[in-house]
């Protein structure tokens, strides 16, 4: 197999962490706009709300030549009441949805970060097509709800499967699914 054919099977590495730099925060906002306004049409002009003022944005960043390149996934978390945390606006760029487990990695960082900050319960409203993913990640359905005209399932994370993280800005690196070399 030639080098050219082998490169078709290689995907980038990703950094999963809290968005601390302005370009990361702007990238998260742009990705949310792309997914929730342009692609899904859930919101007309923007998806920002008052939660953005208090939420912590988390991001998946693709790398190019081992350098951070662009935000390709995001989710936000916030403490809704003492010990009660919520996740929302989980989005992965369409171009990166089949490359790896970016959504799962962002969910893991979200719940583990809240767990490291005294979370007793972590909830999220999940679009119904994503419920199977959350169930595999040890989440339990609570009730179906309609948000912005879209069916969602309110779900609760099993905190036993999410070890506490105290510094989400450190994050971690993960490989794309097709990173394995084929022979």
Protein backbone atom coordinates (compact mmCIF):
# COMPACT_ATOMS: atom_id res chain seq x y z
CA UNK A 1 0.00 0.00 0.00
CA UNK A 2 1.39 3.40 -0.89
CA UNK A 3 1.81 6.22 1.63
CA UNK A 4 -0.98 8.12 -0.13
CA UNK A 5 -3.45 5.29 0.49
CA UNK A 6 -2.35 4.85 4.11
CA UNK A 7 -2.96 8.52 4.89
CA UNK A 8 -6.64 8.08 4.01
CA UNK A 9 -6.96 5.98 7.19
CA UNK A 10 -5.34 8.49 9.54
CA UNK A 11 -7.40 11.01 11.44
CA UNK A 12 -6.18 13.77 13.70
CA UNK A 13 -5.63 13.64 17.41
CA UNK A 14 -7.99 15.66 19.57
CA UNK A 15 -7.61 17.67 22.75
CA UNK A 16 -10.58 17.48 25.13
CA UNK A 17 -10.59 20.30 27.72
CA UNK A 18 -12.29 23.37 29.13
CA UNK A 19 -12.25 26.31 26.72
CA UNK A 20 -9.86 28.82 28.28
CA UNK A 21 -8.66 30.83 25.29
CA UNK A 22 -10.72 33.37 23.36
CA UNK A 23 -10.38 31.46 20.06
CA UNK A 24 -11.64 28.26 21.77
CA UNK A 25 -14.67 30.05 23.20
CA UNK A 26 -15.38 31.70 19.83
CA UNK A 27 -14.99 28.32 18.12
CA UNK A 28 -17.48 26.72 20.52
CA UNK A 29 -19.97 29.51 19.87
CA UNK A 30 -19.52 29.23 16.10
CA UNK A 31 -19.96 25.46 16.19
CA UNK A 32 -23.15 25.74 18.25
CA UNK A 33 -24.47 28.25 15.70
CA UNK A 34 -23.58 25.90 12.84
CA UNK A 35 -25.33 22.92 14.46
CA UNK A 36 -28.35 24.41 16.25
CA UNK A 37 -29.19 27.35 13.94
CA UNK A 38 -28.01 26.46 10.44
CA UNK A 39 -28.09 22.65 10.42
CA UNK A 40 -30.97 21.76 12.76
CA UNK A 41 -32.94 25.02 12.52
CA UNK A 42 -33.89 24.87 16.20
CA UNK A 43 -33.14 28.57 16.71
CA UNK A 44 -33.67 31.36 14.17
CA UNK A 45 -30.67 33.63 14.73
CA UNK A 46 -28.59 32.28 17.64
CA UNK A 47 -28.74 29.72 20.43
CA UNK A 48 -27.21 31.84 23.19
CA UNK A 49 -29.19 32.31 26.40
CA UNK A 50 -28.69 33.42 30.01
CA UNK A 51 -27.03 30.09 30.90
CA UNK A 52 -24.06 31.11 28.74
CA UNK A 53 -23.28 33.81 31.31
CA UNK A 54 -22.58 31.22 34.01
CA UNK A 55 -21.75 28.06 32.05
CA UNK A 56 -18.33 26.52 31.54
CA UNK A 57 -17.72 25.69 27.86
CA UNK A 58 -15.83 22.48 27.15
CA UNK A 59 -14.33 21.74 23.75
CA UNK A 60 -12.87 19.07 21.51
CA UNK A 61 -10.05 20.56 19.46
CA UNK A 62 -8.59 18.88 16.40
CA UNK A 63 -4.84 19.04 16.02
CA UNK A 64 -2.74 19.54 12.94
CA UNK A 65 0.95 18.61 13.20
CA UNK A 66 0.41 18.27 16.98
CA UNK A 67 -0.81 21.88 17.27
CA UNK A 68 -4.33 22.91 18.25
CA UNK A 69 -6.21 23.65 15.02
CA UNK A 70 -9.96 24.14 15.41
CA UNK A 71 -12.91 23.47 17.71
CA UNK A 72 -14.82 20.45 16.39
CA UNK A 73 -16.94 19.65 19.44
CA UNK A 74 -18.42 21.46 22.41
CA UNK A 75 -20.75 21.18 25.40
CA UNK A 76 -21.49 23.53 28.27
CA UNK A 77 -22.05 22.75 31.95
CA UNK A 78 -23.36 24.77 34.85
CA UNK A 79 -24.49 24.37 38.43
CA UNK A 80 -28.26 24.86 38.43
CA UNK A 81 -28.65 24.53 42.22
CA UNK A 82 -26.27 23.43 44.98
CA UNK A 83 -25.05 19.97 43.94
CA UNK A 84 -27.26 19.86 40.82
CA UNK A 85 -25.34 20.27 37.57
CA UNK A 86 -26.64 20.33 34.02
CA UNK A 87 -25.06 19.82 30.63
CA UNK A 88 -26.42 21.32 27.43
CA UNK A 89 -25.69 22.31 23.83
CA UNK A 90 -23.59 19.24 23.02
CA UNK A 91 -22.46 19.64 19.42
CA UNK A 92 -19.93 17.92 17.16
CA UNK A 93 -19.02 19.29 13.73
CA UNK A 94 -20.66 17.24 10.95
CA UNK A 95 -17.23 16.58 9.44
CA UNK A 96 -16.06 14.93 12.69
CA UNK A 97 -19.09 12.89 13.80
CA UNK A 98 -17.80 9.59 12.43
CA UNK A 99 -14.09 10.07 13.12
CA UNK A 100 -14.05 9.18 16.79
CA UNK A 101 -15.98 9.32 20.01
CA UNK A 102 -15.83 13.09 20.48
CA UNK A 103 -19.36 13.34 21.88
CA UNK A 104 -18.62 10.63 24.44
CA UNK A 105 -15.33 12.27 25.39
CA UNK A 106 -17.06 15.63 25.93
CA UNK A 107 -19.75 13.95 28.04
CA UNK A 108 -17.07 12.25 30.14
CA UNK A 109 -15.27 15.57 30.72
CA UNK A 110 -18.54 17.36 31.51
CA UNK A 111 -19.75 14.93 34.16
CA UNK A 112 -16.29 14.34 35.66
CA UNK A 113 -15.71 18.10 35.93
CA UNK A 114 -19.01 18.62 37.73
CA UNK A 115 -18.23 15.60 39.93
CA UNK A 116 -14.94 17.24 40.87
CA UNK A 117 -16.84 20.36 41.93
CA UNK A 118 -19.28 18.73 44.34
CA UNK A 119 -21.94 17.44 41.98
CA UNK A 120 -24.57 15.21 43.60
CA UNK A 121 -26.69 14.88 40.45
CA UNK A 122 -25.95 15.60 36.78
CA UNK A 123 -28.82 16.04 34.32
CA UNK A 124 -29.16 16.84 30.64
CA UNK A 125 -31.93 17.15 28.08
CA UNK A 126 -30.82 14.86 25.25
CA UNK A 127 -32.21 14.86 21.73
CA UNK A 128 -33.99 11.52 21.37
CA UNK A 129 -31.71 10.25 18.59
CA UNK A 130 -28.78 10.51 21.04
CA UNK A 131 -30.41 8.56 23.90
CA UNK A 132 -28.69 5.24 22.97
CA UNK A 133 -25.25 6.91 23.23
CA UNK A 134 -26.06 8.29 26.68
CA UNK A 135 -27.43 4.92 27.85
CA UNK A 136 -24.11 3.28 26.83
CA UNK A 137 -22.37 5.95 28.92
CA UNK A 138 -24.36 5.01 32.06
CA UNK A 139 -27.17 7.54 31.90
CA UNK A 140 -30.77 6.81 32.91
CA UNK A 141 -33.83 8.24 31.14
CA UNK A 142 -36.17 10.23 33.39
CA UNK A 143 -38.87 11.72 31.18
CA UNK A 144 -39.50 12.83 27.62
CA UNK A 145 -39.88 16.57 27.12
CA UNK A 146 -40.31 18.93 24.18
CA UNK A 147 -37.71 21.74 24.00
CA UNK A 148 -37.83 24.33 21.24
CA UNK A 149 -40.16 22.04 19.26
CA UNK A 150 -37.72 19.10 19.37
CA UNK A 151 -38.30 15.87 21.35
CA UNK A 152 -35.73 15.41 24.14
CA UNK A 153 -35.24 12.93 26.96
CA UNK A 154 -34.25 14.28 30.35
CA UNK A 155 -31.49 11.96 31.56
CA UNK A 156 -29.37 11.50 34.67
CA UNK A 157 -25.72 10.42 34.73
CA UNK A 158 -24.51 7.67 37.05
CA UNK A 159 -21.70 9.55 38.82
CA UNK A 160 -19.99 6.29 39.83
CA UNK A 161 -18.70 5.99 36.25
CA UNK A 162 -17.23 9.52 36.14
CA UNK A 163 -14.18 10.04 38.38
CA UNK A 164 -13.82 13.64 39.62
CA UNK A 165 -11.68 16.03 37.61
CA UNK A 166 -10.56 19.15 39.44
CA UNK A 167 -8.84 20.97 36.56
CA UNK A 168 -10.72 20.53 33.27
CA UNK A 169 -8.39 22.99 31.53
CA UNK A 170 -5.70 20.28 31.58
CA UNK A 171 -7.96 17.85 29.76
CA UNK A 172 -6.52 15.00 27.72
CA UNK A 173 -5.61 13.89 24.23
CA UNK A 174 -7.56 11.26 22.33
CA UNK A 175 -7.07 9.62 18.95
CA UNK A 176 -9.56 9.56 16.12
CA UNK A 177 -11.15 6.16 15.51
CA UNK A 178 -9.34 5.58 12.22
CA UNK A 179 -5.96 6.42 13.72
CA UNK A 180 -4.97 2.76 13.75
CA UNK A 181 -2.66 1.91 10.90
CA UNK A 182 -4.01 -0.59 8.41
CA UNK A 183 -1.76 -3.16 6.84
